[in-house]
C-alpha cells in the first residue's frame, strides 16, 4: 500500500503541492498527465530520490519519508531501461540479489523463476546492446522484480517501444502484475495505455492532482475542462443550462440546445466524446440531439476515421473504418449527427 499525506516536494523551480494519494495493496494505479506535470517527480519522491519538505510518505503502513531508497522496498523502472551495458542479461538481472549477498542456489532459483515469467531464458548470455527494445524492457522488469519488492514504480515504461512491442509488453505487464499481486504505480501521458492497465487513474497537472477515479470515470466523467481536453473528449462547449426538469436538462451553446440527462443544477461546459456521436445520411426519426451538418474534414486514424462535422458549431466524430467506407463520405457531403442525452457530461 502507498499512502501520501499532504506531500510537498521542491525540485529546482518545480513544486509538487499538497499531494494526497492512496494506492491499495495489489492495485495497479496509473499517474496520467502532460509533459512537465510532475509525474516523474512524484514517482521519484516515493522511491526516495527527492526530499519531502512537508507531509508524509507511507509504504505498507511504515513512514518512509526520511528513509533511504534501498530500504523502502520499492523498485523503479525507467523508460530508458538503465541496464548496465557491460554486463550480460543474467548479470543485470541478478545484480540486486548479489548486492544483498543472497546464496548462489537461491539466486539460481530466483533467476529461473523470473526468466520463466518474462520468457527471456535464451537471452541470458547476451549484452543489452544486442537486444531489441521489447527485450530490454523485459530484462529491466525482470531485474526490478527478482528482488520481490513490495512496490513497483514504472516511469513511462512503454514510451520507447514500437507499436508491436508496446502491445506485447503492455499485456505482459498486466498479466505479471495480476499474477504477483504487486502494488504498482505507473507513469504515462498515454491515455490509451492508462485505460488498458489501470484499476485507478490519477490525473496530475502543474504539480497538483486534479482528479482520481476509475478509468471510465476519468474518460467519461471528467471533473474539469483540462481533464476533458487531455483525455481527448474534443467536443467541449462553453455555455449554460437554460431549462431544467430533473433529470432532463437543456444546455445552450451558441444558439444550439443540447438535451442532457444529469442531476447537476449548474454547469459551464458540455462534453461529448467523439465516439459517442452517430453520423447518418438520413435524418433519424424522433431522436434527441439531432443536427444537420456538412463534412468539413476527414482524418484517417487507421482502424477509425475522425470526422469534423460543421453544424454551427463543429462536432468531431469517430467512426469505425467499415462504417465510413460503407457511407462513402467525403468533404462537403451533407449528413446528420445525433447523440443520446446520457452521452453528454456537464462540468
C-alpha atoms as a PDB file:
ATOM      1  CA  UNK A   1       0.000   0.000   0.000  1.00  0.00           C
ATOM      2  CA  UNK A   2       1.165   3.508  -0.835  1.00  0.00           C
ATOM      3  CA  UNK A   3      -0.123   6.492   1.117  1.00  0.00           C
ATOM      4  CA  UNK A   4       0.866  10.132   0.662  1.00  0.00           C
ATOM      5  CA  UNK A   5      -0.342  12.743   3.140  1.00  0.00           C
ATOM      6  CA  UNK A   6      -0.087  16.422   2.161  1.00  0.00           C
ATOM      7  CA  UNK A   7       3.249  15.775   0.408  1.00  0.00           C
ATOM      8  CA  UNK A   8       5.142  18.773  -0.940  1.00  0.00           C
ATOM      9  CA  UNK A   9       8.392  18.484  -2.887  1.00  0.00           C
ATOM     10  CA  UNK A  10      10.617  21.113  -4.488  1.00  0.00           C
ATOM     11  CA  UNK A  11      12.878  20.202  -7.419  1.00  0.00           C
ATOM     12  CA  UNK A  12      14.538  23.310  -8.841  1.00  0.00           C
ATOM     13  CA  UNK A  13      11.742  25.696  -9.749  1.00  0.00           C
ATOM     14  CA  UNK A  14       9.114  22.938  -9.793  1.00  0.00           C
ATOM     15  CA  UNK A  15       6.803  22.129  -6.875  1.00  0.00           C
ATOM     16  CA  UNK A  16       4.606  19.184  -6.052  1.00  0.00           C
ATOM     17  CA  UNK A  17       1.814  20.678  -3.976  1.00  0.00           C
ATOM     18  CA  UNK A  18      -0.351  19.031  -1.305  1.00  0.00           C
ATOM     19  CA  UNK A  19      -0.306  15.532  -2.810  1.00  0.00           C
ATOM     20  CA  UNK A  20      -2.790  13.204  -1.115  1.00  0.00           C
ATOM     21  CA  UNK A  21      -2.957   9.736  -2.593  1.00  0.00           C
ATOM     22  CA  UNK A  22      -3.769   6.175  -1.527  1.00  0.00           C
ATOM     23  CA  UNK A  23      -2.860   3.151  -3.662  1.00  0.00           C
ATOM     24  CA  UNK A  24      -4.302  -0.024  -2.159  1.00  0.00           C
ATOM     25  CA  UNK A  25      -2.200  -3.169  -1.809  1.00  0.00           C
ATOM     26  CA  UNK A  26      -2.072  -5.126  -5.065  1.00  0.00           C
ATOM     27  CA  UNK A  27      -3.604  -2.295  -7.085  1.00  0.00           C
ATOM     28  CA  UNK A  28      -2.401  -1.062 -10.480  1.00  0.00           C
ATOM     29  CA  UNK A  29      -2.619   2.728 -10.466  1.00  0.00           C
ATOM     30  CA  UNK A  30      -1.610   4.937 -13.388  1.00  0.00           C
ATOM     31  CA  UNK A  31      -0.455   8.540 -12.988  1.00  0.00           C
ATOM     32  CA  UNK A  32      -1.597  10.371 -16.101  1.00  0.00           C
ATOM     33  CA  UNK A  33      -0.659  13.862 -17.180  1.00  0.00           C
ATOM     34  CA  UNK A  34       1.080  16.024 -19.797  1.00  0.00           C
ATOM     35  CA  UNK A  35       4.820  16.560 -20.070  1.00  0.00           C
ATOM     36  CA  UNK A  36       6.102  18.640 -17.172  1.00  0.00           C
ATOM     37  CA  UNK A  37       3.090  17.899 -14.944  1.00  0.00           C
ATOM     38  CA  UNK A  38       5.216  16.355 -12.177  1.00  0.00           C
ATOM     39  CA  UNK A  39       4.572  12.662 -12.811  1.00  0.00           C
ATOM     40  CA  UNK A  40       8.201  11.521 -12.611  1.00  0.00           C
ATOM     41  CA  UNK A  41       8.954  13.820  -9.652  1.00  0.00           C
ATOM     42  CA  UNK A  42       6.064  12.192  -7.781  1.00  0.00           C
ATOM     43  CA  UNK A  43       7.294   8.698  -8.631  1.00  0.00           C
ATOM     44  CA  UNK A  44      10.888   9.502  -7.634  1.00  0.00           C
ATOM     45  CA  UNK A  45       9.703  11.097  -4.393  1.00  0.00           C
ATOM     46  CA  UNK A  46       8.003   7.828  -3.446  1.00  0.00           C
ATOM     47  CA  UNK A  47      11.229   5.987  -4.352  1.00  0.00           C
ATOM     48  CA  UNK A  48      13.191   8.320  -2.066  1.00  0.00           C
ATOM     49  CA  UNK A  49      15.131  10.202  -4.719  1.00  0.00           C
ATOM     50  CA  UNK A  50      13.798  13.633  -3.697  1.00  0.00           C
ATOM     51  CA  UNK A  51      13.481  15.187  -0.261  1.00  0.00           C
ATOM     52  CA  UNK A  52       9.993  15.835   1.067  1.00  0.00           C
ATOM     53  CA  UNK A  53       9.860  19.202   2.818  1.00  0.00           C
ATOM     54  CA  UNK A  54       6.307  18.740   4.059  1.00  0.00           C
ATOM     55  CA  UNK A  55       3.958  15.789   4.518  1.00  0.00           C
ATOM     56  CA  UNK A  56       4.482  12.036   4.855  1.00  0.00           C
ATOM     57  CA  UNK A  57       5.025   9.021   2.599  1.00  0.00           C
ATOM     58  CA  UNK A  58       3.924   5.648   3.987  1.00  0.00           C
ATOM     59  CA  UNK A  59       4.631   2.318   2.301  1.00  0.00           C
ATOM     60  CA  UNK A  60       2.700  -0.636   3.731  1.00  0.00           C
ATOM     61  CA  UNK A  61       1.929   1.436   6.816  1.00  0.00           C
ATOM     62  CA  UNK A  62       5.556   2.375   7.508  1.00  0.00           C
ATOM     63  CA  UNK A  63       6.595   6.028   7.445  1.00  0.00           C
ATOM     64  CA  UNK A  64       9.466   6.137   4.915  1.00  0.00           C
ATOM     65  CA  UNK A  65       9.519   9.906   4.395  1.00  0.00           C
ATOM     66  CA  UNK A  66      13.141  10.124   5.533  1.00  0.00           C
ATOM     67  CA  UNK A  67      14.184   6.544   4.712  1.00  0.00           C
ATOM     68  CA  UNK A  68      16.950   5.918   2.140  1.00  0.00           C
ATOM     69  CA  UNK A  69      15.780   4.464  -1.212  1.00  0.00           C
ATOM     70  CA  UNK A  70      17.293   0.986  -0.763  1.00  0.00           C
ATOM     71  CA  UNK A  71      15.341   0.447   2.457  1.00  0.00           C
ATOM     72  CA  UNK A  72      11.893   1.346   1.076  1.00  0.00           C
ATOM     73  CA  UNK A  73      11.078  -1.972  -0.577  1.00  0.00           C
ATOM     74  CA  UNK A  74      10.362  -0.278  -3.893  1.00  0.00           C
ATOM     75  CA  UNK A  75      11.852  -0.894  -7.347  1.00  0.00           C
ATOM     76  CA  UNK A  76      11.750   1.705 -10.110  1.00  0.00           C
ATOM     77  CA  UNK A  77      11.966   1.046 -13.868  1.00  0.00           C
ATOM     78  CA  UNK A  78      12.641   3.942 -16.254  1.00  0.00           C
ATOM     79  CA  UNK A  79      11.731   4.309 -19.928  1.00  0.00           C
ATOM     80  CA  UNK A  80      15.404   4.017 -20.964  1.00  0.00           C
ATOM     81  CA  UNK A  81      15.785   0.707 -19.049  1.00  0.00           C
ATOM     82  CA  UNK A  82      19.089   1.769 -17.316  1.00  0.00           C
ATOM     83  CA  UNK A  83      20.683  -1.661 -17.823  1.00  0.00           C
ATOM     84  CA  UNK A  84      24.430  -1.998 -17.251  1.00  0.00           C
ATOM     85  CA  UNK A  85      25.802  -2.171 -20.817  1.00  0.00           C
ATOM     86  CA  UNK A  86      28.952  -4.130 -19.855  1.00  0.00           C
ATOM     87  CA  UNK A  87      27.048  -6.874 -18.009  1.00  0.00           C
ATOM     88  CA  UNK A  88      25.176  -9.779 -19.583  1.00  0.00           C
ATOM     89  CA  UNK A  89      21.437 -10.111 -19.207  1.00  0.00           C
ATOM     90  CA  UNK A  90      21.952 -12.677 -16.456  1.00  0.00           C
ATOM     91  CA  UNK A  91      24.395 -10.437 -14.606  1.00  0.00           C
ATOM     92  CA  UNK A  92      21.992  -7.486 -14.898  1.00  0.00           C
ATOM     93  CA  UNK A  93      19.036  -9.434 -13.530  1.00  0.00           C
ATOM     94  CA  UNK A  94      20.825 -10.952 -10.501  1.00  0.00           C
ATOM     95  CA  UNK A  95      22.759  -7.790  -9.649  1.00  0.00           C
ATOM     96  CA  UNK A  96      20.384  -6.782  -6.858  1.00  0.00           C
ATOM     97  CA  UNK A  97      20.466 -10.237  -5.305  1.00  0.00           C
ATOM     98  CA  UNK A  98      24.268 -10.291  -5.256  1.00  0.00           C
ATOM     99  CA  UNK A  99      24.332  -6.889  -3.572  1.00  0.00           C
ATOM    100  CA  UNK A 100      22.091  -8.419  -0.909  1.00  0.00           C
ATOM    101  CA  UNK A 101      24.591 -11.331  -0.574  1.00  0.00           C
ATOM    102  CA  UNK A 102      21.977 -13.970  -1.376  1.00  0.00           C
ATOM    103  CA  UNK A 103      23.268 -17.552  -1.513  1.00  0.00           C
ATOM    104  CA  UNK A 104      24.078 -18.836  -5.008  1.00  0.00           C
ATOM    105  CA  UNK A 105      21.453 -21.646  -5.024  1.00  0.00           C
ATOM    106  CA  UNK A 106      18.772 -19.116  -4.068  1.00  0.00           C
ATOM    107  CA  UNK A 107      19.938 -16.757  -6.830  1.00  0.00           C
ATOM    108  CA  UNK A 108      19.728 -19.572  -9.388  1.00  0.00           C
ATOM    109  CA  UNK A 109      16.227 -20.464  -8.218  1.00  0.00           C
ATOM    110  CA  UNK A 110      15.043 -16.843  -8.363  1.00  0.00           C
ATOM    111  CA  UNK A 111      16.599 -16.356 -11.809  1.00  0.00           C
ATOM    112  CA  UNK A 112      14.867 -19.416 -13.246  1.00  0.00           C
ATOM    113  CA  UNK A 113      11.532 -18.268 -11.838  1.00  0.00           C
ATOM    114  CA  UNK A 114      11.700 -14.705 -13.141  1.00  0.00           C
ATOM    115  CA  UNK A 115      13.015 -15.760 -16.562  1.00  0.00           C
ATOM    116  CA  UNK A 116      10.069 -18.127 -16.885  1.00  0.00           C
ATOM    117  CA  UNK A 117       7.649 -15.266 -16.249  1.00  0.00           C
ATOM    118  CA  UNK A 118       9.251 -12.960 -18.822  1.00  0.00           C
ATOM    119  CA  UNK A 119      10.320 -15.701 -21.274  1.00  0.00           C
ATOM    120  CA  UNK A 120      13.909 -14.498 -21.532  1.00  0.00           C
ATOM    121  CA  UNK A 121      15.806 -17.732 -20.859  1.00  0.00           C
ATOM    122  CA  UNK A 122      17.526 -17.569 -24.244  1.00  0.00           C
ATOM    123  CA  UNK A 123      18.800 -14.029 -23.655  1.00  0.00           C
ATOM    124  CA  UNK A 124      20.855 -14.625 -20.507  1.00  0.00           C
ATOM    125  CA  UNK A 125      24.306 -14.638 -22.160  1.00  0.00           C
ATOM    126  CA  UNK A 126      23.691 -11.597 -24.357  1.00  0.00           C
ATOM    127  CA  UNK A 127      24.653  -7.973 -23.716  1.00  0.00           C
ATOM    128  CA  UNK A 128      21.917  -5.278 -23.535  1.00  0.00           C
ATOM    129  CA  UNK A 129      23.200  -3.595 -26.695  1.00  0.00           C
ATOM    130  CA  UNK A 130      22.270  -6.661 -28.763  1.00  0.00           C
ATOM    131  CA  UNK A 131      18.632  -6.721 -27.597  1.00  0.00           C
ATOM    132  CA  UNK A 132      15.522  -5.187 -29.111  1.00  0.00           C
ATOM    133  CA  UNK A 133      13.598  -2.526 -27.199  1.00  0.00           C
ATOM    134  CA  UNK A 134      10.966  -5.025 -26.092  1.00  0.00           C
ATOM    135  CA  UNK A 135      13.638  -7.489 -24.924  1.00  0.00           C
ATOM    136  CA  UNK A 136      15.476  -4.793 -22.954  1.00  0.00           C
ATOM    137  CA  UNK A 137      12.244  -3.779 -21.242  1.00  0.00           C
ATOM    138  CA  UNK A 138      11.540  -7.398 -20.273  1.00  0.00           C
ATOM    139  CA  UNK A 139      15.028  -7.656 -18.792  1.00  0.00           C
ATOM    140  CA  UNK A 140      14.604  -4.369 -16.902  1.00  0.00           C
ATOM    141  CA  UNK A 141      11.316  -5.585 -15.443  1.00  0.00           C
ATOM    142  CA  UNK A 142      12.844  -8.926 -14.505  1.00  0.00           C
ATOM    143  CA  UNK A 143      15.715  -7.149 -12.727  1.00  0.00           C
ATOM    144  CA  UNK A 144      13.254  -4.974 -10.820  1.00  0.00           C
ATOM    145  CA  UNK A 145      11.014  -7.843  -9.743  1.00  0.00           C
ATOM    146  CA  UNK A 146      13.576 -10.532  -8.902  1.00  0.00           C
ATOM    147  CA  UNK A 147      14.217  -8.828  -5.550  1.00  0.00           C
ATOM    148  CA  UNK A 148      10.492  -9.193  -4.733  1.00  0.00           C
ATOM    149  CA  UNK A 149       9.803  -5.537  -3.925  1.00  0.00           C
ATOM    150  CA  UNK A 150       6.587  -4.530  -2.187  1.00  0.00           C
ATOM    151  CA  UNK A 151       6.128  -1.638  -4.606  1.00  0.00           C
ATOM    152  CA  UNK A 152       6.837  -1.430  -8.361  1.00  0.00           C
ATOM    153  CA  UNK A 153       7.290   2.068  -9.822  1.00  0.00           C
ATOM    154  CA  UNK A 154       7.223   2.416 -13.619  1.00  0.00           C
ATOM    155  CA  UNK A 155       8.249   5.633 -15.371  1.00  0.00           C
ATOM    156  CA  UNK A 156       6.799   5.609 -18.910  1.00  0.00           C
ATOM    157  CA  UNK A 157       7.995   2.001 -19.447  1.00  0.00           C
ATOM    158  CA  UNK A 158       6.411   1.677 -22.909  1.00  0.00           C
ATOM    159  CA  UNK A 159       7.174   5.060 -24.467  1.00  0.00           C
ATOM    160  CA  UNK A 160      10.419   3.989 -26.186  1.00  0.00           C
ATOM    161  CA  UNK A 161       8.887   0.895 -27.814  1.00  0.00           C
ATOM    162  CA  UNK A 162       7.436   0.447 -31.296  1.00  0.00           C
ATOM    163  CA  UNK A 163       3.703  -0.267 -31.561  1.00  0.00           C
ATOM    164  CA  UNK A 164       4.024  -4.068 -31.750  1.00  0.00           C
ATOM    165  CA  UNK A 165       6.484  -4.294 -28.842  1.00  0.00           C
ATOM    166  CA  UNK A 166       4.400  -1.856 -26.807  1.00  0.00           C
ATOM    167  CA  UNK A 167       1.327  -4.067 -27.133  1.00  0.00           C
ATOM    168  CA  UNK A 168       3.289  -7.170 -26.100  1.00  0.00           C
ATOM    169  CA  UNK A 169       4.940  -5.578 -23.072  1.00  0.00           C
ATOM    170  CA  UNK A 170       1.654  -3.970 -22.026  1.00  0.00           C
ATOM    171  CA  UNK A 171      -0.050  -7.366 -21.919  1.00  0.00           C
ATOM    172  CA  UNK A 172       2.943  -8.811 -20.093  1.00  0.00           C
ATOM    173  CA  UNK A 173       2.823  -6.016 -17.509  1.00  0.00           C
ATOM    174  CA  UNK A 174      -0.855  -6.550 -16.811  1.00  0.00           C
ATOM    175  CA  UNK A 175      -0.602 -10.337 -16.572  1.00  0.00           C
ATOM    176  CA  UNK A 176       2.539 -10.232 -14.409  1.00  0.00           C
ATOM    177  CA  UNK A 177       1.086  -7.654 -12.031  1.00  0.00           C
ATOM    178  CA  UNK A 178      -2.073  -9.710 -11.592  1.00  0.00           C
ATOM    179  CA  UNK A 179      -0.085 -12.917 -11.086  1.00  0.00           C
ATOM    180  CA  UNK A 180       2.300 -11.449  -8.499  1.00  0.00           C
ATOM    181  CA  UNK A 181      -0.223  -9.097  -6.912  1.00  0.00           C
ATOM    182  CA  UNK A 182       2.410  -6.387  -6.578  1.00  0.00           C
ATOM    183  CA  UNK A 183       1.318  -2.813  -5.829  1.00  0.00           C
ATOM    184  CA  UNK A 184       2.164  -0.859  -8.971  1.00  0.00           C
ATOM    185  CA  UNK A 185       2.347   2.849  -9.764  1.00  0.00           C
ATOM    186  CA  UNK A 186       2.809   3.546 -13.487  1.00  0.00           C
ATOM    187  CA  UNK A 187       3.525   6.964 -15.015  1.00  0.00           C
ATOM    188  CA  UNK A 188       2.415   7.778 -18.561  1.00  0.00           C
ATOM    189  CA  UNK A 189       0.996  10.545 -20.766  1.00  0.00           C
ATOM    190  CA  UNK A 190      -0.757   7.981 -22.996  1.00  0.00           C
ATOM    191  CA  UNK A 191      -4.439   7.738 -22.054  1.00  0.00           C
ATOM    192  CA  UNK A 192      -4.985   4.517 -24.075  1.00  0.00           C
ATOM    193  CA  UNK A 193      -2.190   2.885 -22.085  1.00  0.00           C
ATOM    194  CA  UNK A 194      -3.775   4.088 -18.857  1.00  0.00           C
ATOM    195  CA  UNK A 195      -7.205   2.831 -19.891  1.00  0.00           C
ATOM    196  CA  UNK A 196      -5.950  -0.695 -20.638  1.00  0.00           C
ATOM    197  CA  UNK A 197      -3.830  -1.152 -17.497  1.00  0.00           C
ATOM    198  CA  UNK A 198      -5.211   0.830 -14.587  1.00  0.00           C
ATOM    199  CA  UNK A 199      -7.527  -0.092 -11.740  1.00  0.00           C
ATOM    200  CA  UNK A 200      -7.444   3.611 -10.890  1.00  0.00           C
ATOM    201  CA  UNK A 201      -6.103   6.700 -12.650  1.00  0.00           C
ATOM    202  CA  UNK A 202      -4.568   9.769 -11.022  1.00  0.00           C
ATOM    203  CA  UNK A 203      -4.562  12.840 -13.282  1.00  0.00           C
ATOM    204  CA  UNK A 204      -1.869  15.377 -12.422  1.00  0.00           C
ATOM    205  CA  UNK A 205      -1.168  18.812 -13.847  1.00  0.00           C
ATOM    206  CA  UNK A 206       1.139  21.594 -12.698  1.00  0.00           C
ATOM    207  CA  UNK A 207       2.278  19.609  -9.679  1.00  0.00           C
ATOM    208  CA  UNK A 208      -1.279  19.064  -8.411  1.00  0.00           C
ATOM    209  CA  UNK A 209      -3.653  16.117  -8.519  1.00  0.00           C
ATOM    210  CA  UNK A 210      -6.742  17.264 -10.414  1.00  0.00           C
ATOM    211  CA  UNK A 211      -8.805  14.046 -10.485  1.00  0.00           C
ATOM    212  CA  UNK A 212      -8.678  10.479  -9.174  1.00  0.00           C
ATOM    213  CA  UNK A 213     -11.047   7.748 -10.322  1.00  0.00           C
ATOM    214  CA  UNK A 214     -11.714   4.563 -12.248  1.00  0.00           C
ATOM    215  CA  UNK A 215     -10.691   4.715 -15.930  1.00  0.00           C
ATOM    216  CA  UNK A 216     -14.293   5.020 -17.140  1.00  0.00           C
ATOM    217  CA  UNK A 217     -14.934   7.827 -14.661  1.00  0.00           C
ATOM    218  CA  UNK A 218     -11.897   9.798 -15.826  1.00  0.00           C
ATOM    219  CA  UNK A 219     -12.693   9.412 -19.508  1.00  0.00           C
ATOM    220  CA  UNK A 220     -16.459   9.742 -19.486  1.00  0.00           C
ATOM    221  CA  UNK A 221     -16.958  11.977 -16.446  1.00  0.00           C
ATOM    222  CA  UNK A 222     -14.022  14.425 -16.353  1.00  0.00           C
ATOM    223  CA  UNK A 223     -14.082  16.819 -13.418  1.00  0.00           C
ATOM    224  CA  UNK A 224     -12.709  19.806 -15.330  1.00  0.00           C
ATOM    225  CA  UNK A 225     -12.164  21.240 -18.793  1.00  0.00           C
ATOM    226  CA  UNK A 226      -8.463  20.353 -18.500  1.00  0.00           C
ATOM    227  CA  UNK A 227      -9.178  16.658 -17.876  1.00  0.00           C
ATOM    228  CA  UNK A 228     -11.722  16.594 -20.696  1.00  0.00           C
ATOM    229  CA  UNK A 229      -9.258  18.112 -23.165  1.00  0.00           C
ATOM    230  CA  UNK A 230      -6.345  15.947 -22.023  1.00  0.00           C
ATOM    231  CA  UNK A 231      -8.364  12.755 -22.469  1.00  0.00           C
ATOM    232  CA  UNK A 232      -9.289  13.883 -25.979  1.00  0.00           C
ATOM    233  CA  UNK A 233     -13.001  14.447 -25.404  1.00  0.00           C
ATOM    234  CA  UNK A 234     -12.679  17.007 -28.245  1.00  0.00           C
ATOM    235  CA  UNK A 235     -16.304  18.245 -28.164  1.00  0.00           C
ATOM    236  CA  UNK A 236     -16.228  20.707 -25.266  1.00  0.00           C
ATOM    237  CA  UNK A 237     -18.759  23.501 -25.490  1.00  0.00           C
ATOM    238  CA  UNK A 238     -18.942  26.515 -23.163  1.00  0.00           C
ATOM    239  CA  UNK A 239     -22.497  27.538 -22.402  1.00  0.00           C
ATOM    240  CA  UNK A 240     -25.200  27.408 -19.748  1.00  0.00           C
ATOM    241  CA  UNK A 241     -28.235  25.491 -18.518  1.00  0.00           C
ATOM    242  CA  UNK A 242     -31.395  27.225 -19.785  1.00  0.00           C
ATOM    243  CA  UNK A 243     -34.030  24.718 -18.655  1.00  0.00           C
ATOM    244  CA  UNK A 244     -34.171  22.027 -16.003  1.00  0.00           C
ATOM    245  CA  UNK A 245     -36.850  19.430 -15.298  1.00  0.00           C
ATOM    246  CA  UNK A 246     -34.778  16.806 -13.442  1.00  0.00           C
ATOM    247  CA  UNK A 247     -33.239  14.686 -14.677  1.00  0.00           C
ATOM    248  CA  UNK A 248     -33.702  16.339 -18.089  1.00  0.00           C
ATOM    249  CA  UNK A 249     -31.699  19.478 -18.788  1.00  0.00           C
ATOM    250  CA  UNK A 250     -31.390  21.790 -21.765  1.00  0.00           C
ATOM    251  CA  UNK A 251     -27.854  23.145 -22.196  1.00  0.00           C
ATOM    252  CA  UNK A 252     -27.441  26.012 -24.640  1.00  0.00           C
ATOM    253  CA  UNK A 253     -24.294  26.731 -26.625  1.00  0.00           C
ATOM    254  CA  UNK A 254     -24.018  29.261 -29.462  1.00  0.00           C
ATOM    255  CA  UNK A 255     -27.741  29.072 -30.155  1.00  0.00           C
ATOM    256  CA  UNK A 256     -27.862  25.261 -30.188  1.00  0.00           C
ATOM    257  CA  UNK A 257     -29.834  23.484 -27.476  1.00  0.00           C
ATOM    258  CA  UNK A 258     -28.451  20.165 -26.258  1.00  0.00           C
ATOM    259  CA  UNK A 259     -30.645  17.736 -24.315  1.00  0.00           C
ATOM    260  CA  UNK A 260     -28.857  16.223 -21.304  1.00  0.00           C
ATOM    261  CA  UNK A 261     -29.637  13.642 -18.625  1.00  0.00           C
ATOM    262  CA  UNK A 262     -27.988  14.910 -15.444  1.00  0.00           C
ATOM    263  CA  UNK A 263     -28.669  15.797 -11.828  1.00  0.00           C
ATOM    264  CA  UNK A 264     -26.453  18.887 -11.984  1.00  0.00           C
ATOM    265  CA  UNK A 265     -28.014  22.269 -11.323  1.00  0.00           C
ATOM    266  CA  UNK A 266     -25.183  24.370 -12.733  1.00  0.00           C
ATOM    267  CA  UNK A 267     -22.614  23.834 -15.485  1.00  0.00           C
ATOM    268  CA  UNK A 268     -20.296  25.836 -17.705  1.00  0.00           C
ATOM    269  CA  UNK A 269     -19.349  23.164 -20.259  1.00  0.00           C
ATOM    270  CA  UNK A 270     -20.996  20.267 -22.079  1.00  0.00           C
ATOM    271  CA  UNK A 271     -18.687  17.417 -23.110  1.00  0.00           C
ATOM    272  CA  UNK A 272     -19.434  14.764 -25.742  1.00  0.00           C
ATOM    273  CA  UNK A 273     -16.756  12.230 -26.643  1.00  0.00           C
ATOM    274  CA  UNK A 274     -16.328  11.784 -30.431  1.00  0.00           C
ATOM    275  CA  UNK A 275     -17.005   8.026 -30.312  1.00  0.00           C
ATOM    276  CA  UNK A 276     -20.438   8.690 -28.730  1.00  0.00           C
ATOM    277  CA  UNK A 277     -21.726  10.630 -31.775  1.00  0.00           C
ATOM    278  CA  UNK A 278     -23.553   8.827 -34.568  1.00  0.00           C
ATOM    279  CA  UNK A 279     -23.302  10.015 -38.188  1.00  0.00           C
ATOM    280  CA  UNK A 280     -26.089   9.197 -40.670  1.00  0.00           C
ATOM    281  CA  UNK A 281     -27.000  10.125 -44.207  1.00  0.00           C
ATOM    282  CA  UNK A 282     -30.717  10.279 -43.422  1.00  0.00           C
ATOM    283  CA  UNK A 283     -32.340  12.167 -40.564  1.00  0.00           C
ATOM    284  CA  UNK A 284     -33.133   9.767 -37.675  1.00  0.00           C
ATOM    285  CA  UNK A 285     -36.756   9.732 -36.569  1.00  0.00           C
ATOM    286  CA  UNK A 286     -37.676  11.121 -33.106  1.00  0.00           C
ATOM    287  CA  UNK A 287     -34.062  11.141 -31.885  1.00  0.00           C
ATOM    288  CA  UNK A 288     -32.907  13.883 -29.466  1.00  0.00           C
ATOM    289  CA  UNK A 289     -29.783  15.896 -30.187  1.00  0.00           C
ATOM    290  CA  UNK A 290     -30.019  15.538 -33.946  1.00  0.00           C
ATOM    291  CA  UNK A 291     -28.357  18.229 -36.058  1.00  0.00           C
ATOM    292  CA  UNK A 292     -27.765  18.595 -39.819  1.00  0.00           C
ATOM    293  CA  UNK A 293     -24.227  19.338 -40.912  1.00  0.00           C
ATOM    294  CA  UNK A 294     -21.539  19.163 -43.557  1.00  0.00           C
ATOM    295  CA  UNK A 295     -18.394  17.038 -43.521  1.00  0.00           C
ATOM    296  CA  UNK A 296     -15.591  19.575 -43.124  1.00  0.00           C
ATOM    297  CA  UNK A 297     -12.533  17.338 -42.733  1.00  0.00           C
ATOM    298  CA  UNK A 298     -11.565  13.659 -42.676  1.00  0.00           C
ATOM    299  CA  UNK A 299      -8.562  12.300 -40.768  1.00  0.00           C
ATOM    300  CA  UNK A 300      -7.533   8.669 -41.243  1.00  0.00           C
ATOM    301  CA  UNK A 301      -6.652   7.099 -37.860  1.00  0.00           C
ATOM    302  CA  UNK A 302      -6.194   3.544 -39.139  1.00  0.00           C
ATOM    303  CA  UNK A 303      -8.997   1.478 -37.613  1.00  0.00           C
ATOM    304  CA  UNK A 304     -11.065   4.631 -37.104  1.00  0.00           C
ATOM    305  CA  UNK A 305     -11.807   7.799 -39.044  1.00  0.00           C
ATOM    306  CA  UNK A 306     -12.040  11.185 -37.319  1.00  0.00           C
ATOM    307  CA  UNK A 307     -14.596  13.481 -38.938  1.00  0.00           C
ATOM    308  CA  UNK A 308     -15.198  17.147 -38.329  1.00  0.00           C
ATOM    309  CA  UNK A 309     -18.855  17.939 -38.994  1.00  0.00           C
ATOM    310  CA  UNK A 310     -19.814  21.601 -39.347  1.00  0.00           C
ATOM    311  CA  UNK A 311     -23.180  22.019 -37.648  1.00  0.00           C
ATOM    312  CA  UNK A 312     -22.519  25.538 -36.404  1.00  0.00           C
ATOM    313  CA  UNK A 313     -20.779  24.626 -34.080  1.00  0.00           C
ATOM    314  CA  UNK A 314     -18.342  21.967 -35.268  1.00  0.00           C
ATOM    315  CA  UNK A 315     -18.507  18.448 -33.834  1.00  0.00           C
ATOM    316  CA  UNK A 316     -15.728  15.866 -34.043  1.00  0.00           C
ATOM    317  CA  UNK A 317     -16.929  12.300 -34.538  1.00  0.00           C
ATOM    318  CA  UNK A 318     -15.030   8.996 -34.523  1.00  0.00           C
ATOM    319  CA  UNK A 319     -16.309   6.340 -36.923  1.00  0.00           C
ATOM    320  CA  UNK A 320     -15.147   2.748 -37.438  1.00  0.00           C
ATOM    321  CA  UNK A 321     -13.449   2.438 -40.833  1.00  0.00           C
ATOM    322  CA  UNK A 322     -16.018  -0.082 -42.093  1.00  0.00           C
ATOM    323  CA  UNK A 323     -18.916   2.290 -41.392  1.00  0.00           C
ATOM    324  CA  UNK A 324     -17.060   5.198 -43.001  1.00  0.00           C
ATOM    325  CA  UNK A 325     -16.383   3.195 -46.170  1.00  0.00           C
ATOM    326  CA  UNK A 326     -19.979   1.958 -46.384  1.00  0.00           C
ATOM    327  CA  UNK A 327     -21.248   5.547 -46.171  1.00  0.00           C
ATOM    328  CA  UNK A 328     -18.797   6.753 -48.881  1.00  0.00           C
ATOM    329  CA  UNK A 329     -18.321  10.026 -47.047  1.00  0.00           C
ATOM    330  CA  UNK A 330     -16.302  12.891 -48.472  1.00  0.00           C
ATOM    331  CA  UNK A 331     -15.713  16.535 -47.588  1.00  0.00           C
ATOM    332  CA  UNK A 332     -18.709  18.709 -48.402  1.00  0.00           C
ATOM    333  CA  UNK A 333     -21.219  15.885 -48.006  1.00  0.00           C
ATOM    334  CA  UNK A 334     -24.445  16.612 -46.130  1.00  0.00           C
ATOM    335  CA  UNK A 335     -25.020  14.387 -43.082  1.00  0.00           C
ATOM    336  CA  UNK A 336     -26.819  14.267 -39.737  1.00  0.00           C
ATOM    337  CA  UNK A 337     -25.242  13.770 -36.343  1.00  0.00           C
ATOM    338  CA  UNK A 338     -27.026  12.572 -33.220  1.00  0.00           C
ATOM    339  CA  UNK A 339     -26.131  11.556 -29.684  1.00  0.00           C
ATOM    340  CA  UNK A 340     -28.039  10.421 -26.616  1.00  0.00           C
ATOM    341  CA  UNK A 341     -28.703  12.822 -23.725  1.00  0.00           C
ATOM    342  CA  UNK A 342     -26.947  10.290 -21.474  1.00  0.00           C
ATOM    343  CA  UNK A 343     -23.769  10.681 -23.584  1.00  0.00           C
ATOM    344  CA  UNK A 344     -23.402  14.335 -22.573  1.00  0.00           C
ATOM    345  CA  UNK A 345     -21.357  15.160 -19.486  1.00  0.00           C
ATOM    346  CA  UNK A 346     -21.673  18.542 -17.792  1.00  0.00           C
ATOM    347  CA  UNK A 347     -18.823  20.260 -15.934  1.00  0.00           C
END
